[in-house]
N, C-alpha and C. Protein backbone atom coordinates (compact mmCIF):
# COMPACT_ATOMS: atom_id res chain seq x y z
N UNK A 1 -45.13 -52.34 -72.73
CA UNK A 1 -43.82 -52.81 -72.31
C UNK A 1 -42.96 -51.56 -72.02
N UNK A 2 -42.21 -51.61 -70.93
CA UNK A 2 -41.28 -50.57 -70.65
C UNK A 2 -39.90 -51.23 -70.31
N UNK A 3 -38.84 -50.49 -70.55
CA UNK A 3 -37.53 -51.01 -70.20
C UNK A 3 -36.74 -49.82 -69.64
N UNK A 4 -36.06 -50.04 -68.52
CA UNK A 4 -35.30 -49.04 -67.88
C UNK A 4 -33.95 -49.62 -67.50
N UNK A 5 -32.88 -48.82 -67.68
CA UNK A 5 -31.55 -49.28 -67.33
C UNK A 5 -30.96 -48.21 -66.33
N UNK A 6 -30.26 -48.71 -65.31
CA UNK A 6 -29.63 -47.77 -64.40
C UNK A 6 -28.46 -48.44 -63.74
N UNK A 7 -27.56 -47.65 -63.30
CA UNK A 7 -26.33 -48.16 -62.59
C UNK A 7 -26.73 -48.67 -61.25
N UNK A 8 -26.13 -49.76 -60.79
CA UNK A 8 -26.38 -50.34 -59.52
C UNK A 8 -25.09 -50.86 -58.91
N UNK A 9 -24.87 -50.53 -57.63
CA UNK A 9 -23.56 -50.92 -57.04
C UNK A 9 -23.58 -52.41 -56.59
N UNK A 10 -24.79 -52.98 -56.43
CA UNK A 10 -24.90 -54.36 -56.00
C UNK A 10 -26.04 -55.02 -56.82
N UNK A 11 -25.96 -56.34 -56.92
CA UNK A 11 -26.99 -57.09 -57.61
C UNK A 11 -28.28 -57.03 -56.78
N UNK A 12 -29.43 -56.94 -57.44
CA UNK A 12 -30.68 -57.00 -56.68
C UNK A 12 -30.93 -58.34 -56.05
N UNK A 13 -31.64 -58.41 -54.93
CA UNK A 13 -31.96 -59.64 -54.28
C UNK A 13 -33.47 -59.72 -54.19
N UNK A 14 -34.00 -60.87 -53.84
CA UNK A 14 -35.42 -60.99 -53.66
C UNK A 14 -35.92 -59.98 -52.64
N UNK A 15 -35.19 -59.84 -51.56
CA UNK A 15 -35.56 -58.94 -50.47
C UNK A 15 -35.49 -57.48 -50.93
N UNK A 16 -34.45 -57.10 -51.64
CA UNK A 16 -34.32 -55.68 -52.05
C UNK A 16 -35.37 -55.29 -53.09
N UNK A 17 -35.71 -56.19 -53.97
CA UNK A 17 -36.75 -55.94 -54.91
C UNK A 17 -38.12 -55.84 -54.25
N UNK A 18 -38.39 -56.81 -53.37
CA UNK A 18 -39.65 -56.85 -52.72
C UNK A 18 -39.91 -55.65 -51.83
N UNK A 19 -38.92 -55.24 -51.07
CA UNK A 19 -39.06 -54.15 -50.10
C UNK A 19 -38.94 -52.77 -50.71
N UNK A 20 -37.80 -52.49 -51.34
CA UNK A 20 -37.54 -51.12 -51.78
C UNK A 20 -38.17 -50.87 -53.15
N UNK A 21 -37.92 -51.71 -54.13
CA UNK A 21 -38.35 -51.38 -55.48
C UNK A 21 -39.84 -51.52 -55.61
N UNK A 22 -40.45 -52.52 -55.07
CA UNK A 22 -41.89 -52.73 -55.19
C UNK A 22 -42.70 -51.69 -54.36
N UNK A 23 -42.12 -51.19 -53.33
CA UNK A 23 -42.79 -50.08 -52.57
C UNK A 23 -42.98 -48.87 -53.50
N UNK A 24 -41.95 -48.57 -54.32
CA UNK A 24 -42.08 -47.46 -55.23
C UNK A 24 -43.12 -47.76 -56.33
N UNK A 25 -43.09 -49.01 -56.86
CA UNK A 25 -44.05 -49.41 -57.85
C UNK A 25 -45.48 -49.28 -57.30
N UNK A 26 -45.70 -49.80 -56.07
CA UNK A 26 -47.04 -49.75 -55.46
C UNK A 26 -47.53 -48.29 -55.34
N UNK A 27 -46.63 -47.44 -54.92
CA UNK A 27 -47.04 -46.02 -54.70
C UNK A 27 -47.41 -45.33 -56.02
N UNK A 28 -46.89 -45.80 -57.13
CA UNK A 28 -47.17 -45.12 -58.42
C UNK A 28 -48.09 -45.91 -59.34
N UNK A 29 -48.73 -46.99 -58.79
CA UNK A 29 -49.59 -47.84 -59.63
C UNK A 29 -51.00 -47.88 -59.10
N UNK A 30 -51.94 -47.21 -59.68
CA UNK A 30 -53.30 -47.28 -59.24
C UNK A 30 -53.86 -48.69 -59.32
N UNK A 31 -54.59 -49.11 -58.39
CA UNK A 31 -55.20 -50.47 -58.37
C UNK A 31 -54.20 -51.57 -58.08
N UNK A 32 -53.05 -51.23 -57.53
CA UNK A 32 -52.00 -52.22 -57.26
C UNK A 32 -52.49 -53.34 -56.38
N UNK A 33 -52.21 -54.59 -56.80
CA UNK A 33 -52.42 -55.79 -56.00
C UNK A 33 -51.18 -56.62 -56.05
N UNK A 34 -50.56 -56.89 -54.91
CA UNK A 34 -49.26 -57.61 -54.90
C UNK A 34 -49.45 -59.05 -55.38
N UNK A 35 -48.38 -59.54 -56.03
CA UNK A 35 -48.29 -60.94 -56.42
C UNK A 35 -47.11 -61.56 -55.72
N UNK A 36 -46.28 -62.23 -56.50
CA UNK A 36 -45.10 -62.98 -55.93
C UNK A 36 -43.79 -62.39 -56.54
N UNK A 37 -42.73 -62.51 -55.74
CA UNK A 37 -41.38 -62.23 -56.22
C UNK A 37 -40.60 -63.49 -56.17
N UNK A 38 -40.03 -63.92 -57.29
CA UNK A 38 -39.27 -65.16 -57.39
C UNK A 38 -38.05 -64.96 -58.28
N UNK A 39 -37.14 -65.94 -58.23
CA UNK A 39 -36.07 -65.91 -59.13
C UNK A 39 -36.34 -66.92 -60.23
N UNK A 40 -36.18 -66.51 -61.50
CA UNK A 40 -36.38 -67.36 -62.66
C UNK A 40 -35.11 -67.33 -63.50
N UNK A 41 -35.04 -68.25 -64.43
CA UNK A 41 -33.85 -68.26 -65.35
C UNK A 41 -34.36 -67.96 -66.73
N UNK A 42 -33.68 -67.03 -67.36
CA UNK A 42 -33.94 -66.65 -68.75
C UNK A 42 -32.63 -66.89 -69.51
N UNK A 43 -32.71 -66.73 -70.79
CA UNK A 43 -31.51 -66.96 -71.66
C UNK A 43 -30.26 -66.21 -71.19
N UNK A 44 -30.50 -65.03 -70.61
CA UNK A 44 -29.32 -64.18 -70.15
C UNK A 44 -28.83 -64.57 -68.76
N UNK A 45 -29.59 -65.46 -68.09
CA UNK A 45 -29.15 -65.88 -66.75
C UNK A 45 -30.32 -65.75 -65.74
N UNK A 46 -29.92 -65.72 -64.46
CA UNK A 46 -30.96 -65.58 -63.40
C UNK A 46 -31.51 -64.15 -63.40
N UNK A 47 -32.84 -64.09 -63.15
CA UNK A 47 -33.57 -62.80 -63.18
C UNK A 47 -34.55 -62.83 -62.07
N UNK A 48 -34.80 -61.65 -61.46
CA UNK A 48 -35.82 -61.58 -60.39
C UNK A 48 -37.13 -61.14 -61.08
N UNK A 49 -38.20 -61.93 -60.85
CA UNK A 49 -39.50 -61.65 -61.46
C UNK A 49 -40.48 -61.38 -60.35
N UNK A 50 -41.16 -60.25 -60.51
CA UNK A 50 -42.29 -59.87 -59.59
C UNK A 50 -43.56 -59.80 -60.43
N UNK A 51 -44.60 -60.40 -59.96
CA UNK A 51 -45.90 -60.33 -60.63
C UNK A 51 -46.81 -59.49 -59.72
N UNK A 52 -47.68 -58.77 -60.35
CA UNK A 52 -48.70 -57.95 -59.66
C UNK A 52 -49.78 -57.58 -60.59
N UNK A 53 -50.83 -56.96 -60.07
CA UNK A 53 -51.91 -56.42 -60.86
C UNK A 53 -51.98 -54.94 -60.63
N UNK A 54 -52.34 -54.22 -61.66
CA UNK A 54 -52.48 -52.67 -61.53
C UNK A 54 -53.41 -52.24 -62.67
N UNK A 55 -53.93 -51.04 -62.50
CA UNK A 55 -54.78 -50.44 -63.49
C UNK A 55 -53.93 -49.86 -64.62
N UNK A 56 -54.39 -50.04 -65.87
CA UNK A 56 -53.67 -49.48 -67.02
C UNK A 56 -53.79 -47.97 -67.02
N UNK A 57 -52.98 -47.32 -67.84
CA UNK A 57 -53.21 -45.91 -68.10
C UNK A 57 -54.56 -45.74 -68.78
N UNK A 58 -55.24 -44.61 -68.53
CA UNK A 58 -56.52 -44.44 -69.20
C UNK A 58 -56.40 -44.38 -70.72
N UNK A 59 -57.32 -44.96 -71.41
CA UNK A 59 -57.40 -44.91 -72.85
C UNK A 59 -57.58 -43.44 -73.25
N UNK A 60 -56.81 -42.92 -74.19
CA UNK A 60 -56.87 -41.50 -74.54
C UNK A 60 -58.22 -41.12 -75.15
N UNK A 61 -58.97 -42.08 -75.71
CA UNK A 61 -60.25 -41.74 -76.39
C UNK A 61 -61.36 -41.90 -75.37
N UNK A 62 -61.44 -43.04 -74.61
CA UNK A 62 -62.54 -43.30 -73.78
C UNK A 62 -62.31 -42.85 -72.35
N UNK A 63 -61.05 -42.68 -72.00
CA UNK A 63 -60.75 -42.31 -70.58
C UNK A 63 -60.83 -43.49 -69.60
N UNK A 64 -61.13 -44.68 -70.11
CA UNK A 64 -61.26 -45.80 -69.27
C UNK A 64 -59.95 -46.55 -69.10
N UNK A 65 -59.79 -47.25 -67.97
CA UNK A 65 -58.61 -48.09 -67.81
C UNK A 65 -59.09 -49.48 -67.46
N UNK A 66 -58.17 -50.46 -67.67
CA UNK A 66 -58.54 -51.85 -67.36
C UNK A 66 -57.51 -52.34 -66.34
N UNK A 67 -57.88 -53.46 -65.69
CA UNK A 67 -57.00 -54.10 -64.68
C UNK A 67 -56.01 -54.98 -65.46
N UNK A 68 -54.74 -54.79 -65.27
CA UNK A 68 -53.69 -55.51 -65.99
C UNK A 68 -52.99 -56.53 -65.10
N UNK A 69 -52.53 -57.63 -65.68
CA UNK A 69 -51.56 -58.50 -65.10
C UNK A 69 -50.20 -57.89 -65.51
N UNK A 70 -49.26 -57.83 -64.53
CA UNK A 70 -47.96 -57.21 -64.78
C UNK A 70 -46.88 -58.20 -64.37
N UNK A 71 -45.86 -58.30 -65.21
CA UNK A 71 -44.65 -59.06 -64.89
C UNK A 71 -43.49 -58.09 -64.99
N UNK A 72 -42.70 -57.99 -63.92
CA UNK A 72 -41.56 -57.03 -63.85
C UNK A 72 -40.32 -57.85 -63.66
N UNK A 73 -39.40 -57.84 -64.64
CA UNK A 73 -38.13 -58.62 -64.66
C UNK A 73 -36.99 -57.68 -64.36
N UNK A 74 -36.14 -58.11 -63.35
CA UNK A 74 -34.97 -57.31 -63.02
C UNK A 74 -33.71 -58.14 -63.41
N UNK A 75 -33.01 -57.63 -64.42
CA UNK A 75 -31.76 -58.23 -64.90
C UNK A 75 -30.57 -57.45 -64.27
N UNK A 76 -29.46 -58.12 -64.05
CA UNK A 76 -28.30 -57.39 -63.49
C UNK A 76 -27.01 -58.03 -64.08
N UNK A 77 -26.10 -57.10 -64.41
CA UNK A 77 -24.79 -57.55 -64.86
C UNK A 77 -23.80 -56.42 -64.70
N UNK A 78 -22.71 -56.66 -64.09
CA UNK A 78 -21.55 -55.76 -64.00
C UNK A 78 -21.92 -54.34 -63.67
N UNK A 79 -22.76 -54.07 -62.65
CA UNK A 79 -23.05 -52.74 -62.27
C UNK A 79 -24.22 -52.08 -63.01
N UNK A 80 -24.89 -52.88 -63.82
CA UNK A 80 -26.06 -52.31 -64.55
C UNK A 80 -27.28 -53.18 -64.20
N UNK A 81 -28.35 -52.52 -63.85
CA UNK A 81 -29.63 -53.15 -63.62
C UNK A 81 -30.61 -52.76 -64.70
N UNK A 82 -31.25 -53.68 -65.33
CA UNK A 82 -32.28 -53.42 -66.34
C UNK A 82 -33.58 -53.99 -65.87
N UNK A 83 -34.66 -53.19 -65.90
CA UNK A 83 -35.97 -53.56 -65.51
C UNK A 83 -36.84 -53.58 -66.75
N UNK A 84 -37.40 -54.76 -67.02
CA UNK A 84 -38.30 -54.97 -68.16
C UNK A 84 -39.71 -55.25 -67.59
N UNK A 85 -40.65 -54.42 -67.92
CA UNK A 85 -42.02 -54.55 -67.39
C UNK A 85 -43.00 -54.81 -68.55
N UNK A 86 -43.77 -55.92 -68.40
CA UNK A 86 -44.75 -56.32 -69.37
C UNK A 86 -46.12 -56.27 -68.71
N UNK A 87 -47.13 -55.84 -69.46
CA UNK A 87 -48.48 -55.81 -68.87
C UNK A 87 -49.50 -56.02 -69.98
N UNK A 88 -50.63 -56.60 -69.55
CA UNK A 88 -51.75 -56.87 -70.43
C UNK A 88 -52.98 -57.15 -69.64
N UNK A 89 -54.14 -57.07 -70.23
CA UNK A 89 -55.39 -57.29 -69.49
C UNK A 89 -55.40 -58.59 -68.70
N UNK A 90 -55.95 -58.52 -67.50
CA UNK A 90 -56.10 -59.69 -66.64
C UNK A 90 -56.74 -60.82 -67.43
N UNK A 91 -56.15 -61.99 -67.38
CA UNK A 91 -56.72 -63.19 -68.02
C UNK A 91 -56.24 -63.43 -69.45
N UNK A 92 -55.58 -62.44 -70.06
CA UNK A 92 -55.07 -62.65 -71.43
C UNK A 92 -53.98 -63.68 -71.37
N UNK A 93 -53.86 -64.50 -72.45
CA UNK A 93 -52.87 -65.56 -72.52
C UNK A 93 -51.56 -64.98 -73.05
N UNK A 94 -50.73 -64.46 -72.13
CA UNK A 94 -49.48 -63.83 -72.54
C UNK A 94 -48.25 -64.68 -72.21
N UNK A 95 -48.48 -65.87 -71.70
CA UNK A 95 -47.33 -66.68 -71.25
C UNK A 95 -46.28 -66.90 -72.33
N UNK A 96 -46.63 -67.39 -73.48
CA UNK A 96 -45.65 -67.66 -74.48
C UNK A 96 -45.00 -66.40 -75.07
N UNK A 97 -45.81 -65.34 -75.43
CA UNK A 97 -45.12 -64.14 -75.98
C UNK A 97 -44.24 -63.49 -74.94
N UNK A 98 -44.62 -63.44 -73.68
CA UNK A 98 -43.82 -62.81 -72.63
C UNK A 98 -42.56 -63.62 -72.37
N UNK A 99 -42.59 -64.91 -72.47
CA UNK A 99 -41.40 -65.74 -72.32
C UNK A 99 -40.46 -65.49 -73.49
N UNK A 100 -41.01 -65.35 -74.65
CA UNK A 100 -40.14 -65.08 -75.83
C UNK A 100 -39.47 -63.73 -75.69
N UNK A 101 -40.21 -62.71 -75.26
CA UNK A 101 -39.61 -61.39 -75.05
C UNK A 101 -38.55 -61.40 -74.00
N UNK A 102 -38.82 -62.03 -72.88
CA UNK A 102 -37.85 -61.98 -71.76
C UNK A 102 -36.63 -62.86 -72.06
N UNK A 103 -36.81 -63.93 -72.87
CA UNK A 103 -35.65 -64.72 -73.26
C UNK A 103 -34.82 -64.01 -74.32
N UNK A 104 -35.42 -63.08 -75.06
CA UNK A 104 -34.70 -62.40 -76.11
C UNK A 104 -33.71 -61.33 -75.59
N UNK A 105 -33.89 -60.94 -74.30
CA UNK A 105 -33.00 -59.94 -73.72
C UNK A 105 -31.59 -60.53 -73.64
N UNK A 106 -30.62 -59.66 -74.06
CA UNK A 106 -29.21 -60.13 -73.90
C UNK A 106 -28.35 -58.91 -73.63
N UNK A 107 -27.25 -59.11 -73.01
CA UNK A 107 -26.30 -58.10 -72.71
C UNK A 107 -25.34 -57.92 -73.90
N UNK A 108 -24.98 -56.72 -74.29
CA UNK A 108 -24.10 -56.50 -75.40
C UNK A 108 -22.68 -56.22 -74.86
């Protein structure tokens, strides 16, 4: 899991996330395979969710990486954008824990 916060002058849109932000993700993610970008509702309000697949970082012991399912959530409020990225091996049942994590995000 990673979380990043940055200042943003406008709220992200489906188009801005798909075109600008995901182009950067694709360029820096080995094994990238595009998924879908949609708007979902979490406890903190509407969020832009992008799904994709990518290779994990190599294991420090074995040097091997696995193909991961990735969910990238973009939250926005009052000039701040927060990106929460969750990943796990393809096919793992992460639906419930990932929903719990993304619903637990709140603005202070």
